[in-house]
């Protein structure tokens, strides 16, 4: 039998879909959760999509669970200071996987645009 998450559980989920005021996260156990703009932080968030991007991993607390729909509401701001301090597992990116190709390609154009702006 599959163990479902419950209210109060702390999980790490990946953002798989973004909307103007909320995001859908997918968790390791194939459950999904909704992270609303009001549950991101205690600070004011003007533009949710500038904070949350597809592929981001968030540590969140389950604040509500609908067993019929197998769907959760989750909150990043509901984490206690101790829970927040427990960092996500971070692994360094191997140097052979790091690429600045896109920056190298765009840099001359950015410099040209800035130079043109300065001359106006």
PDB file of N, CA and C in Angstrom:
ATOM      1  N   UNK A   1       0.839  -1.189   0.000  1.00  0.00           N
ATOM      2  CA  UNK A   1       0.000   0.000   0.000  1.00  0.00           C
ATOM      3  C   UNK A   1       0.881   1.249   0.000  1.00  0.00           C
ATOM      4  N   UNK A   2       0.505   2.220  -0.797  1.00  0.00           N
ATOM      5  CA  UNK A   2       1.266   3.466  -0.919  1.00  0.00           C
ATOM      6  C   UNK A   2       0.946   4.374   0.260  1.00  0.00           C
ATOM      7  N   UNK A   3       1.988   4.888   0.885  1.00  0.00           N
ATOM      8  CA  UNK A   3       1.828   5.836   1.998  1.00  0.00           C
ATOM      9  C   UNK A   3       1.672   7.235   1.415  1.00  0.00           C
ATOM     10  N   UNK A   4       0.572   7.887   1.742  1.00  0.00           N
ATOM     11  CA  UNK A   4       0.318   9.240   1.247  1.00  0.00           C
ATOM     12  C   UNK A   4       0.843  10.264   2.241  1.00  0.00           C
ATOM     13  N   UNK A   5       1.160  11.431   1.724  1.00  0.00           N
ATOM     14  CA  UNK A   5       1.577  12.529   2.593  1.00  0.00           C
ATOM     15  C   UNK A   5       0.393  12.967   3.430  1.00  0.00           C
ATOM     16  N   UNK A   6       0.707  13.622   4.536  1.00  0.00           N
ATOM     17  CA  UNK A   6      -0.357  14.109   5.408  1.00  0.00           C
ATOM     18  C   UNK A   6      -0.030  15.525   5.871  1.00  0.00           C
ATOM     19  N   UNK A   7      -1.029  16.169   6.410  1.00  0.00           N
ATOM     20  CA  UNK A   7      -0.866  17.530   6.902  1.00  0.00           C
ATOM     21  C   UNK A   7       0.289  17.575   7.897  1.00  0.00           C
ATOM     22  N   UNK A   8       1.186  18.551   7.713  1.00  0.00           N
ATOM     23  CA  UNK A   8       2.341  18.713   8.590  1.00  0.00           C
ATOM     24  C   UNK A   8       3.618  18.097   8.045  1.00  0.00           C
ATOM     25  N   UNK A   9       3.508  17.221   7.045  1.00  0.00           N
ATOM     26  CA  UNK A   9       4.711  16.625   6.451  1.00  0.00           C
ATOM     27  C   UNK A   9       5.556  17.692   5.766  1.00  0.00           C
ATOM     28  N   UNK A  10       6.853  17.502   5.809  1.00  0.00           N
ATOM     29  CA  UNK A  10       7.780  18.390   5.105  1.00  0.00           C
ATOM     30  C   UNK A  10       8.336  17.608   3.924  1.00  0.00           C
ATOM     31  N   UNK A  11       8.201  18.202   2.736  1.00  0.00           N
ATOM     32  CA  UNK A  11       8.574  17.533   1.499  1.00  0.00           C
ATOM     33  C   UNK A  11       9.413  18.444   0.619  1.00  0.00           C
ATOM     34  N   UNK A  12      10.093  17.862  -0.333  1.00  0.00           N
ATOM     35  CA  UNK A  12      10.785  18.617  -1.378  1.00  0.00           C
ATOM     36  C   UNK A  12      10.095  18.291  -2.689  1.00  0.00           C
ATOM     37  N   UNK A  13       9.680  19.345  -3.395  1.00  0.00           N
ATOM     38  CA  UNK A  13       8.970  19.148  -4.650  1.00  0.00           C
ATOM     39  C   UNK A  13       9.546  20.001  -5.755  1.00  0.00           C
ATOM     40  N   UNK A  14       9.357  19.534  -6.974  1.00  0.00           N
ATOM     41  CA  UNK A  14       9.842  20.235  -8.159  1.00  0.00           C
ATOM     42  C   UNK A  14       8.681  20.938  -8.846  1.00  0.00           C
ATOM     43  N   UNK A  15       8.888  22.206  -9.199  1.00  0.00           N
ATOM     44  CA  UNK A  15       7.859  22.975  -9.901  1.00  0.00           C
ATOM     45  C   UNK A  15       7.716  22.408 -11.316  1.00  0.00           C
ATOM     46  N   UNK A  16       6.500  21.976 -11.651  1.00  0.00           N
ATOM     47  CA  UNK A  16       6.256  21.404 -12.975  1.00  0.00           C
ATOM     48  C   UNK A  16       5.324  22.262 -13.818  1.00  0.00           C
ATOM     49  N   UNK A  17       4.580  23.167 -13.197  1.00  0.00           N
ATOM     50  CA  UNK A  17       3.664  24.036 -13.931  1.00  0.00           C
ATOM     51  C   UNK A  17       3.512  25.334 -13.156  1.00  0.00           C
ATOM     52  N   UNK A  18       3.518  26.457 -13.896  1.00  0.00           N
ATOM     53  CA  UNK A  18       3.416  27.769 -13.251  1.00  0.00           C
ATOM     54  C   UNK A  18       2.226  28.536 -13.821  1.00  0.00           C
ATOM     55  N   UNK A  19       1.511  29.178 -12.927  1.00  0.00           N
ATOM     56  CA  UNK A  19       0.405  30.057 -13.272  1.00  0.00           C
ATOM     57  C   UNK A  19       0.704  31.413 -12.631  1.00  0.00           C
ATOM     58  N   UNK A  20      -0.041  32.460 -12.959  1.00  0.00           N
ATOM     59  CA  UNK A  20       0.282  33.787 -12.408  1.00  0.00           C
ATOM     60  C   UNK A  20       0.316  33.868 -10.884  1.00  0.00           C
ATOM     61  N   UNK A  21      -0.492  33.081 -10.176  1.00  0.00           N
ATOM     62  CA  UNK A  21      -0.556  33.204  -8.718  1.00  0.00           C
ATOM     63  C   UNK A  21      -0.254  31.904  -7.975  1.00  0.00           C
ATOM     64  N   UNK A  22       0.073  30.847  -8.684  1.00  0.00           N
ATOM     65  CA  UNK A  22       0.405  29.588  -8.018  1.00  0.00           C
ATOM     66  C   UNK A  22       1.213  28.690  -8.936  1.00  0.00           C
ATOM     67  N   UNK A  23       1.803  27.674  -8.314  1.00  0.00           N
ATOM     68  CA  UNK A  23       2.584  26.691  -9.059  1.00  0.00           C
ATOM     69  C   UNK A  23       2.166  25.297  -8.614  1.00  0.00           C
ATOM     70  N   UNK A  24       2.336  24.341  -9.510  1.00  0.00           N
ATOM     71  CA  UNK A  24       2.083  22.937  -9.191  1.00  0.00           C
ATOM     72  C   UNK A  24       3.439  22.267  -8.993  1.00  0.00           C
ATOM     73  N   UNK A  25       3.583  21.591  -7.861  1.00  0.00           N
ATOM     74  CA  UNK A  25       4.818  20.872  -7.536  1.00  0.00           C
ATOM     75  C   UNK A  25       4.568  19.378  -7.621  1.00  0.00           C
ATOM     76  N   UNK A  26       5.574  18.655  -8.069  1.00  0.00           N
ATOM     77  CA  UNK A  26       5.525  17.199  -8.121  1.00  0.00           C
ATOM     78  C   UNK A  26       6.514  16.669  -7.100  1.00  0.00           C
ATOM     79  N   UNK A  27       6.072  15.698  -6.305  1.00  0.00           N
ATOM     80  CA  UNK A  27       6.901  15.135  -5.251  1.00  0.00           C
ATOM     81  C   UNK A  27       7.345  13.726  -5.625  1.00  0.00           C
ATOM     82  N   UNK A  28       8.363  13.225  -4.937  1.00  0.00           N
ATOM     83  CA  UNK A  28       8.949  11.921  -5.256  1.00  0.00           C
ATOM     84  C   UNK A  28       7.941  10.782  -5.269  1.00  0.00           C
ATOM     85  N   UNK A  29       6.894  10.881  -4.469  1.00  0.00           N
ATOM     86  CA  UNK A  29       5.903   9.806  -4.405  1.00  0.00           C
ATOM     87  C   UNK A  29       4.792   9.985  -5.442  1.00  0.00           C
ATOM     88  N   UNK A  30       5.027  10.840  -6.453  1.00  0.00           N
ATOM     89  CA  UNK A  30       4.085  11.146  -7.544  1.00  0.00           C
ATOM     90  C   UNK A  30       2.838  11.887  -7.091  1.00  0.00           C
ATOM     91  N   UNK A  31       2.840  12.434  -5.896  1.00  0.00           N
ATOM     92  CA  UNK A  31       1.755  13.305  -5.465  1.00  0.00           C
ATOM     93  C   UNK A  31       2.039  14.706  -5.999  1.00  0.00           C
ATOM     94  N   UNK A  32       0.987  15.495  -6.130  1.00  0.00           N
ATOM     95  CA  UNK A  32       1.146  16.868  -6.578  1.00  0.00           C
ATOM     96  C   UNK A  32       0.621  17.813  -5.507  1.00  0.00           C
ATOM     97  N   UNK A  33       1.135  19.024  -5.535  1.00  0.00           N
ATOM     98  CA  UNK A  33       0.711  20.022  -4.570  1.00  0.00           C
ATOM     99  C   UNK A  33       0.659  21.399  -5.189  1.00  0.00           C
ATOM    100  N   UNK A  34      -0.183  22.241  -4.641  1.00  0.00           N
ATOM    101  CA  UNK A  34      -0.342  23.605  -5.112  1.00  0.00           C
ATOM    102  C   UNK A  34       0.348  24.546  -4.133  1.00  0.00           C
ATOM    103  N   UNK A  35       1.272  25.342  -4.641  1.00  0.00           N
ATOM    104  CA  UNK A  35       1.953  26.377  -3.856  1.00  0.00           C
ATOM    105  C   UNK A  35       1.416  27.722  -4.325  1.00  0.00           C
ATOM    106  N   UNK A  36       0.558  28.338  -3.489  1.00  0.00           N
ATOM    107  CA  UNK A  36      -0.058  29.622  -3.827  1.00  0.00           C
ATOM    108  C   UNK A  36       0.900  30.760  -3.499  1.00  0.00           C
ATOM    109  N   UNK A  37       0.760  31.878  -4.198  1.00  0.00           N
ATOM    110  CA  UNK A  37       1.607  33.051  -3.990  1.00  0.00           C
ATOM    111  C   UNK A  37       1.609  33.476  -2.521  1.00  0.00           C
ATOM    112  N   UNK A  38       0.486  33.332  -1.837  1.00  0.00           N
ATOM    113  CA  UNK A  38       0.385  33.747  -0.435  1.00  0.00           C
ATOM    114  C   UNK A  38       1.127  32.807   0.509  1.00  0.00           C
ATOM    115  N   UNK A  39       1.539  31.637   0.015  1.00  0.00           N
ATOM    116  CA  UNK A  39       2.247  30.661   0.851  1.00  0.00           C
ATOM    117  C   UNK A  39       3.730  30.573   0.510  1.00  0.00           C
ATOM    118  N   UNK A  40       4.210  31.473  -0.343  1.00  0.00           N
ATOM    119  CA  UNK A  40       5.611  31.462  -0.736  1.00  0.00           C
ATOM    120  C   UNK A  40       6.511  32.066   0.339  1.00  0.00           C
ATOM    121  N   UNK A  41       6.126  33.219   0.851  1.00  0.00           N
ATOM    122  CA  UNK A  41       6.935  33.943   1.827  1.00  0.00           C
ATOM    123  C   UNK A  41       6.050  34.876   2.640  1.00  0.00           C
ATOM    124  N   UNK A  42       6.556  35.354   3.759  1.00  0.00           N
ATOM    125  CA  UNK A  42       5.819  36.341   4.550  1.00  0.00           C
ATOM    126  C   UNK A  42       5.932  37.738   3.947  1.00  0.00           C
ATOM    127  N   UNK A  43       6.870  37.927   3.032  1.00  0.00           N
ATOM    128  CA  UNK A  43       7.045  39.219   2.373  1.00  0.00           C
ATOM    129  C   UNK A  43       6.073  39.344   1.200  1.00  0.00           C
ATOM    130  N   UNK A  44       5.863  40.597   0.767  1.00  0.00           N
ATOM    131  CA  UNK A  44       4.997  40.848  -0.380  1.00  0.00           C
ATOM    132  C   UNK A  44       5.671  40.352  -1.653  1.00  0.00           C
ATOM    133  N   UNK A  45       4.935  39.640  -2.467  1.00  0.00           N
ATOM    134  CA  UNK A  45       5.441  39.155  -3.752  1.00  0.00           C
ATOM    135  C   UNK A  45       4.610  39.806  -4.848  1.00  0.00           C
ATOM    136  N   UNK A  46       5.246  40.662  -5.609  1.00  0.00           N
ATOM    137  CA  UNK A  46       4.548  41.362  -6.685  1.00  0.00           C
ATOM    138  C   UNK A  46       4.356  40.453  -7.890  1.00  0.00           C
ATOM    139  N   UNK A  47       5.421  39.744  -8.245  1.00  0.00           N
ATOM    140  CA  UNK A  47       5.379  38.921  -9.449  1.00  0.00           C
ATOM    141  C   UNK A  47       5.814  37.500  -9.101  1.00  0.00           C
ATOM    142  N   UNK A  48       4.852  36.627  -8.941  1.00  0.00           N
ATOM    143  CA  UNK A  48       5.103  35.244  -8.541  1.00  0.00           C
ATOM    144  C   UNK A  48       6.079  34.552  -9.490  1.00  0.00           C
ATOM    145  N   UNK A  49       5.897  34.758 -10.779  1.00  0.00           N
ATOM    146  CA  UNK A  49       6.734  34.054 -11.761  1.00  0.00           C
ATOM    147  C   UNK A  49       8.172  34.558 -11.800  1.00  0.00           C
ATOM    148  N   UNK A  50       8.454  35.682 -11.150  1.00  0.00           N
ATOM    149  CA  UNK A  50       9.856  36.108 -11.065  1.00  0.00           C
ATOM    150  C   UNK A  50      10.564  35.374  -9.927  1.00  0.00           C
ATOM    151  N   UNK A  51       9.806  34.806  -8.996  1.00  0.00           N
ATOM    152  CA  UNK A  51      10.371  34.033  -7.894  1.00  0.00           C
ATOM    153  C   UNK A  51      10.402  32.541  -8.203  1.00  0.00           C
ATOM    154  N   UNK A  52       9.376  32.065  -8.878  1.00  0.00           N
ATOM    155  CA  UNK A  52       9.199  30.627  -9.084  1.00  0.00           C
ATOM    156  C   UNK A  52       9.353  30.292 -10.556  1.00  0.00           C
ATOM    157  N   UNK A  53      10.217  29.346 -10.832  1.00  0.00           N
ATOM    158  CA  UNK A  53      10.464  28.909 -12.210  1.00  0.00           C
ATOM    159  C   UNK A  53      10.286  27.403 -12.309  1.00  0.00           C
ATOM    160  N   UNK A  54       9.898  26.930 -13.471  1.00  0.00           N
ATOM    161  CA  UNK A  54       9.785  25.485 -13.697  1.00  0.00           C
ATOM    162  C   UNK A  54      11.139  24.840 -13.428  1.00  0.00           C
ATOM    163  N   UNK A  55      11.119  23.746 -12.724  1.00  0.00           N
ATOM    164  CA  UNK A  55      12.349  23.040 -12.382  1.00  0.00           C
ATOM    165  C   UNK A  55      12.897  23.392 -11.010  1.00  0.00           C
ATOM    166  N   UNK A  56      12.444  24.519 -10.428  1.00  0.00           N
ATOM    167  CA  UNK A  56      12.882  24.873  -9.072  1.00  0.00           C
ATOM    168  C   UNK A  56      12.462  23.785  -8.096  1.00  0.00           C
ATOM    169  N   UNK A  57      13.282  23.565  -7.093  1.00  0.00           N
ATOM    170  CA  UNK A  57      12.950  22.614  -6.038  1.00  0.00           C
ATOM    171  C   UNK A  57      12.671  23.418  -4.769  1.00  0.00           C
ATOM    172  N   UNK A  58      11.529  23.149  -4.163  1.00  0.00           N
ATOM    173  CA  UNK A  58      11.138  23.848  -2.948  1.00  0.00           C
ATOM    174  C   UNK A  58      10.927  22.870  -1.813  1.00  0.00           C
ATOM    175  N   UNK A  59      11.367  23.285  -0.647  1.00  0.00           N
ATOM    176  CA  UNK A  59      11.074  22.565   0.571  1.00  0.00           C
ATOM    177  C   UNK A  59       9.808  23.203   1.112  1.00  0.00           C
ATOM    178  N   UNK A  60       8.783  22.396   1.336  1.00  0.00           N
ATOM    179  CA  UNK A  60       7.479  22.918   1.734  1.00  0.00           C
ATOM    180  C   UNK A  60       6.862  22.045   2.825  1.00  0.00           C
ATOM    181  N   UNK A  61       5.856  22.613   3.466  1.00  0.00           N
ATOM    182  CA  UNK A  61       5.083  21.881   4.470  1.00  0.00           C
ATOM    183  C   UNK A  61       3.676  21.682   3.917  1.00  0.00           C
ATOM    184  N   UNK A  62       3.132  20.497   4.106  1.00  0.00           N
ATOM    185  CA  UNK A  62       1.760  20.203   3.681  1.00  0.00           C
ATOM    186  C   UNK A  62       0.817  20.904   4.656  1.00  0.00           C
ATOM    187  N   UNK A  63      -0.047  21.787   4.133  1.00  0.00           N
ATOM    188  CA  UNK A  63      -0.992  22.501   4.996  1.00  0.00           C
ATOM    189  C   UNK A  63      -2.418  21.986   4.824  1.00  0.00           C
ATOM    190  N   UNK A  64      -2.667  21.228   3.760  1.00  0.00           N
ATOM    191  CA  UNK A  64      -3.986  20.628   3.557  1.00  0.00           C
ATOM    192  C   UNK A  64      -3.824  19.473   2.577  1.00  0.00           C
ATOM    193  N   UNK A  65      -4.633  18.442   2.741  1.00  0.00           N
ATOM    194  CA  UNK A  65      -4.537  17.279   1.871  1.00  0.00           C
ATOM    195  C   UNK A  65      -5.930  16.779   1.537  1.00  0.00           C
ATOM    196  N   UNK A  66      -6.203  16.648   0.237  1.00  0.00           N
ATOM    197  CA  UNK A  66      -7.482  16.132  -0.248  1.00  0.00           C
ATOM    198  C   UNK A  66      -7.255  14.693  -0.689  1.00  0.00           C
ATOM    199  N   UNK A  67      -7.695  13.748   0.133  1.00  0.00           N
ATOM    200  CA  UNK A  67      -7.458  12.325  -0.157  1.00  0.00           C
ATOM    201  C   UNK A  67      -8.185  11.865  -1.409  1.00  0.00           C
ATOM    202  N   UNK A  68      -9.365  12.400  -1.662  1.00  0.00           N
ATOM    203  CA  UNK A  68     -10.135  11.985  -2.844  1.00  0.00           C
ATOM    204  C   UNK A  68      -9.405  12.343  -4.136  1.00  0.00           C
ATOM    205  N   UNK A  69      -8.794  13.523  -4.153  1.00  0.00           N
ATOM    206  CA  UNK A  69      -8.104  13.989  -5.360  1.00  0.00           C
ATOM    207  C   UNK A  69      -6.604  13.700  -5.319  1.00  0.00           C
ATOM    208  N   UNK A  70      -6.120  13.168  -4.173  1.00  0.00           N
ATOM    209  CA  UNK A  70      -4.691  12.913  -3.993  1.00  0.00           C
ATOM    210  C   UNK A  70      -3.894  14.185  -4.300  1.00  0.00           C
ATOM    211  N   UNK A  71      -4.334  15.292  -3.712  1.00  0.00           N
ATOM    212  CA  UNK A  71      -3.776  16.608  -4.015  1.00  0.00           C
ATOM    213  C   UNK A  71      -3.571  17.381  -2.728  1.00  0.00           C
ATOM    214  N   UNK A  72      -2.440  18.106  -2.664  1.00  0.00           N
ATOM    215  CA  UNK A  72      -2.087  18.845  -1.452  1.00  0.00           C
ATOM    216  C   UNK A  72      -2.002  20.346  -1.714  1.00  0.00           C
ATOM    217  N   UNK A  73      -2.237  21.110  -0.655  1.00  0.00           N
ATOM    218  CA  UNK A  73      -1.860  22.525  -0.632  1.00  0.00           C
ATOM    219  C   UNK A  73      -0.612  22.575   0.228  1.00  0.00           C
ATOM    220  N   UNK A  74       0.407  23.265  -0.263  1.00  0.00           N
ATOM    221  CA  UNK A  74       1.679  23.308   0.446  1.00  0.00           C
ATOM    222  C   UNK A  74       2.115  24.748   0.679  1.00  0.00           C
ATOM    223  N   UNK A  75       3.032  24.921   1.635  1.00  0.00           N
ATOM    224  CA  UNK A  75       3.485  26.258   2.014  1.00  0.00           C
ATOM    225  C   UNK A  75       4.978  26.249   2.293  1.00  0.00           C
ATOM    226  N   UNK A  76       5.666  27.214   1.728  1.00  0.00           N
ATOM    227  CA  UNK A  76       7.080  27.413   2.058  1.00  0.00           C
ATOM    228  C   UNK A  76       7.201  28.272   3.311  1.00  0.00           C
ATOM    229  N   UNK A  77       6.286  29.217   3.483  1.00  0.00           N
ATOM    230  CA  UNK A  77       6.380  30.120   4.629  1.00  0.00           C
ATOM    231  C   UNK A  77       5.969  29.456   5.942  1.00  0.00           C
ATOM    232  N   UNK A  78       5.293  28.313   5.886  1.00  0.00           N
ATOM    233  CA  UNK A  78       4.859  27.625   7.102  1.00  0.00           C
ATOM    234  C   UNK A  78       5.982  26.844   7.768  1.00  0.00           C
ATOM    235  N   UNK A  79       7.127  26.747   7.103  1.00  0.00           N
ATOM    236  CA  UNK A  79       8.259  26.045   7.699  1.00  0.00           C
ATOM    237  C   UNK A  79       8.798  26.842   8.882  1.00  0.00           C
ATOM    238  N   UNK A  80       9.152  26.151   9.947  1.00  0.00           N
ATOM    239  CA  UNK A  80       9.748  26.816  11.111  1.00  0.00           C
ATOM    240  C   UNK A  80      11.174  27.230  10.762  1.00  0.00           C
ATOM    241  N   UNK A  81      11.771  28.135  11.549  1.00  0.00           N
ATOM    242  CA  UNK A  81      13.165  28.519  11.276  1.00  0.00           C
ATOM    243  C   UNK A  81      14.114  27.309  11.254  1.00  0.00           C
ATOM    244  N   UNK A  82      13.878  26.340  12.142  1.00  0.00           N
ATOM    245  CA  UNK A  82      14.734  25.140  12.170  1.00  0.00           C
ATOM    246  C   UNK A  82      14.564  24.324  10.896  1.00  0.00           C
ATOM    247  N   UNK A  83      13.314  24.188  10.449  1.00  0.00           N
ATOM    248  CA  UNK A  83      13.041  23.432   9.223  1.00  0.00           C
ATOM    249  C   UNK A  83      13.644  24.127   8.005  1.00  0.00           C
ATOM    250  N   UNK A  84      13.625  25.460   8.008  1.00  0.00           N
ATOM    251  CA  UNK A  84      14.211  26.212   6.890  1.00  0.00           C
ATOM    252  C   UNK A  84      15.725  26.053   6.855  1.00  0.00           C
ATOM    253  N   UNK A  85      16.356  25.981   8.035  1.00  0.00           N
ATOM    254  CA  UNK A  85      17.815  25.881   8.099  1.00  0.00           C
ATOM    255  C   UNK A  85      18.328  24.564   7.535  1.00  0.00           C
ATOM    256  N   UNK A  86      17.512  23.531   7.644  1.00  0.00           N
ATOM    257  CA  UNK A  86      17.916  22.245   7.081  1.00  0.00           C
ATOM    258  C   UNK A  86      17.886  22.398   5.566  1.00  0.00           C
ATOM    259  N   UNK A  87      19.061  22.581   4.985  1.00  0.00           N
ATOM    260  CA  UNK A  87      19.138  22.922   3.565  1.00  0.00           C
ATOM    261  C   UNK A  87      18.830  21.723   2.679  1.00  0.00           C
ATOM    262  N   UNK A  88      18.458  22.051   1.463  1.00  0.00           N
ATOM    263  CA  UNK A  88      18.259  21.025   0.455  1.00  0.00           C
ATOM    264  C   UNK A  88      19.592  20.371   0.135  1.00  0.00           C
ATOM    265  N   UNK A  89      19.532  19.141  -0.302  1.00  0.00           N
ATOM    266  CA  UNK A  89      20.763  18.471  -0.715  1.00  0.00           C
ATOM    267  C   UNK A  89      21.267  19.148  -1.987  1.00  0.00           C
ATOM    268  N   UNK A  90      22.473  19.663  -1.909  1.00  0.00           N
ATOM    269  CA  UNK A  90      23.047  20.344  -3.070  1.00  0.00           C
ATOM    270  C   UNK A  90      24.310  19.621  -3.487  1.00  0.00           C
ATOM    271  N   UNK A  91      24.380  19.312  -4.746  1.00  0.00           N
ATOM    272  CA  UNK A  91      25.572  18.672  -5.276  1.00  0.00           C
ATOM    273  C   UNK A  91      26.207  19.631  -6.266  1.00  0.00           C
ATOM    274  N   UNK A  92      27.522  19.747  -6.216  1.00  0.00           N
ATOM    275  CA  UNK A  92      28.178  20.653  -7.156  1.00  0.00           C
ATOM    276  C   UNK A  92      28.006  20.174  -8.595  1.00  0.00           C
ATOM    277  N   UNK A  93      27.924  21.136  -9.494  1.00  0.00           N
ATOM    278  CA  UNK A  93      27.837  20.809 -10.922  1.00  0.00           C
ATOM    279  C   UNK A  93      29.253  20.554 -11.417  1.00  0.00           C
ATOM    280  N   UNK A  94      29.477  19.427 -12.073  1.00  0.00           N
ATOM    281  CA  UNK A  94      30.820  19.151 -12.594  1.00  0.00           C
ATOM    282  C   UNK A  94      31.234  20.228 -13.602  1.00  0.00           C
ATOM    283  N   UNK A  95      32.503  20.601 -13.565  1.00  0.00           N
ATOM    284  CA  UNK A  95      32.988  21.664 -14.445  1.00  0.00           C
ATOM    285  C   UNK A  95      32.760  21.366 -15.919  1.00  0.00           C
ATOM    286  N   UNK A  96      32.800  20.102 -16.299  1.00  0.00           N
ATOM    287  CA  UNK A  96      32.583  19.779 -17.704  1.00  0.00           C
ATOM    288  C   UNK A  96      31.126  19.962 -18.131  1.00  0.00           C
ATOM    289  N   UNK A  97      30.223  20.212 -17.173  1.00  0.00           N
ATOM    290  CA  UNK A  97      28.808  20.445 -17.471  1.00  0.00           C
ATOM    291  C   UNK A  97      28.454  21.935 -17.452  1.00  0.00           C
ATOM    292  N   UNK A  98      29.384  22.782 -16.997  1.00  0.00           N
ATOM    293  CA  UNK A  98      29.156  24.217 -16.925  1.00  0.00           C
ATOM    294  C   UNK A  98      29.450  24.830 -18.287  1.00  0.00           C
ATOM    295  N   UNK A  99      28.518  25.649 -18.773  1.00  0.00           N
ATOM    296  CA  UNK A  99      28.700  26.278 -20.079  1.00  0.00           C
ATOM    297  C   UNK A  99      28.299  27.749 -20.007  1.00  0.00           C
ATOM    298  N   UNK A 100      29.150  28.575 -20.555  1.00  0.00           N
ATOM    299  CA  UNK A 100      28.861  29.999 -20.660  1.00  0.00           C
ATOM    300  C   UNK A 100      28.630  30.396 -22.113  1.00  0.00           C
ATOM    301  N   UNK A 101      28.325  29.400 -22.944  1.00  0.00           N
ATOM    302  CA  UNK A 101      28.148  29.618 -24.381  1.00  0.00           C
ATOM    303  C   UNK A 101      27.081  30.674 -24.676  1.00  0.00           C
ATOM    304  N   UNK A 102      25.948  30.602 -23.993  1.00  0.00           N
ATOM    305  CA  UNK A 102      24.872  31.568 -24.234  1.00  0.00           C
ATOM    306  C   UNK A 102      25.311  32.978 -23.865  1.00  0.00           C
ATOM    307  N   UNK A 103      26.043  33.121 -22.763  1.00  0.00           N
ATOM    308  CA  UNK A 103      26.545  34.444 -22.368  1.00  0.00           C
ATOM    309  C   UNK A 103      27.552  34.965 -23.374  1.00  0.00           C
ATOM    310  N   UNK A 104      28.467  34.099 -23.802  1.00  0.00           N
ATOM    311  CA  UNK A 104      29.468  34.501 -24.796  1.00  0.00           C
ATOM    312  C   UNK A 104      28.807  34.959 -26.092  1.00  0.00           C
ATOM    313  N   UNK A 105      27.754  34.296 -26.477  1.00  0.00           N
ATOM    314  CA  UNK A 105      27.046  34.625 -27.710  1.00  0.00           C
ATOM    315  C   UNK A 105      26.345  35.982 -27.604  1.00  0.00           C
ATOM    316  N   UNK A 106      25.730  36.265 -26.458  1.00  0.00           N
ATOM    317  CA  UNK A 106      24.945  37.479 -26.291  1.00  0.00           C
ATOM    318  C   UNK A 106      25.747  38.699 -25.859  1.00  0.00           C
ATOM    319  N   UNK A 107      26.917  38.504 -25.248  1.00  0.00           N
ATOM    320  CA  UNK A 107      27.687  39.618 -24.702  1.00  0.00           C
ATOM    321  C   UNK A 107      27.955  40.731 -25.706  1.00  0.00           C
ATOM    322  N   UNK A 108      28.416  40.445 -26.936  1.00  0.00           N
ATOM    323  CA  UNK A 108      28.656  41.546 -27.883  1.00  0.00           C
ATOM    324  C   UNK A 108      27.389  42.366 -28.168  1.00  0.00           C
ATOM    325  N   UNK A 109      26.248  41.713 -28.268  1.00  0.00           N
ATOM    326  CA  UNK A 109      25.001  42.433 -28.529  1.00  0.00           C
ATOM    327  C   UNK A 109      24.615  43.309 -27.343  1.00  0.00           C
ATOM    328  N   UNK A 110      24.783  42.797 -26.119  1.00  0.00           N
ATOM    329  CA  UNK A 110      24.465  43.577 -24.924  1.00  0.00           C
ATOM    330  C   UNK A 110      25.372  44.808 -24.828  1.00  0.00           C
ATOM    331  N   UNK A 111      26.652  44.625 -25.113  1.00  0.00           N
ATOM    332  CA  UNK A 111      27.592  45.754 -25.073  1.00  0.00           C
ATOM    333  C   UNK A 111      27.201  46.784 -26.111  1.00  0.00           C
ATOM    334  N   UNK A 112      26.853  46.330 -27.304  1.00  0.00           N
ATOM    335  CA  UNK A 112      26.439  47.251 -28.377  1.00  0.00           C
ATOM    336  C   UNK A 112      25.205  48.036 -27.954  1.00  0.00           C
ATOM    337  N   UNK A 113      24.208  47.354 -27.390  1.00  0.00           N
ATOM    338  CA  UNK A 113      22.981  48.024 -26.961  1.00  0.00           C
ATOM    339  C   UNK A 113      23.250  49.041 -25.854  1.00  0.00           C
ATOM    340  N   UNK A 114      24.098  48.700 -24.896  1.00  0.00           N
ATOM    341  CA  UNK A 114      24.436  49.624 -23.813  1.00  0.00           C
ATOM    342  C   UNK A 114      25.190  50.841 -24.360  1.00  0.00           C
ATOM    343  N   UNK A 115      26.089  50.616 -25.299  1.00  0.00           N
ATOM    344  CA  UNK A 115      26.854  51.718 -25.905  1.00  0.00           C
ATOM    345  C   UNK A 115      25.908  52.655 -26.641  1.00  0.00           C
ATOM    346  N   UNK A 116      24.949  52.102 -27.373  1.00  0.00           N
ATOM    347  CA  UNK A 116      23.986  52.925 -28.083  1.00  0.00           C
ATOM    348  C   UNK A 116      23.124  53.729 -27.110  1.00  0.00           C
ATOM    349  N   UNK A 117      22.730  53.109 -25.997  1.00  0.00           N
ATOM    350  CA  UNK A 117      21.931  53.803 -24.976  1.00  0.00           C
ATOM    351  C   UNK A 117      22.719  54.950 -24.359  1.00  0.00           C
ATOM    352  N   UNK A 118      24.016  54.729 -24.101  1.00  0.00           N
ATOM    353  CA  UNK A 118      24.863  55.766 -23.508  1.00  0.00           C
ATOM    354  C   UNK A 118      25.058  56.942 -24.454  1.00  0.00           C
ATOM    355  N   UNK A 119      25.000  56.693 -25.743  1.00  0.00           N
ATOM    356  CA  UNK A 119      25.230  57.762 -26.720  1.00  0.00           C
ATOM    357  C   UNK A 119      23.983  58.597 -26.984  1.00  0.00           C
ATOM    358  N   UNK A 120      22.861  58.169 -26.457  1.00  0.00           N
ATOM    359  CA  UNK A 120      21.605  58.931 -26.658  1.00  0.00           C
ATOM    360  C   UNK A 120      21.522  60.096 -25.742  1.00  0.00           C
TER     361      UNK A 120
END
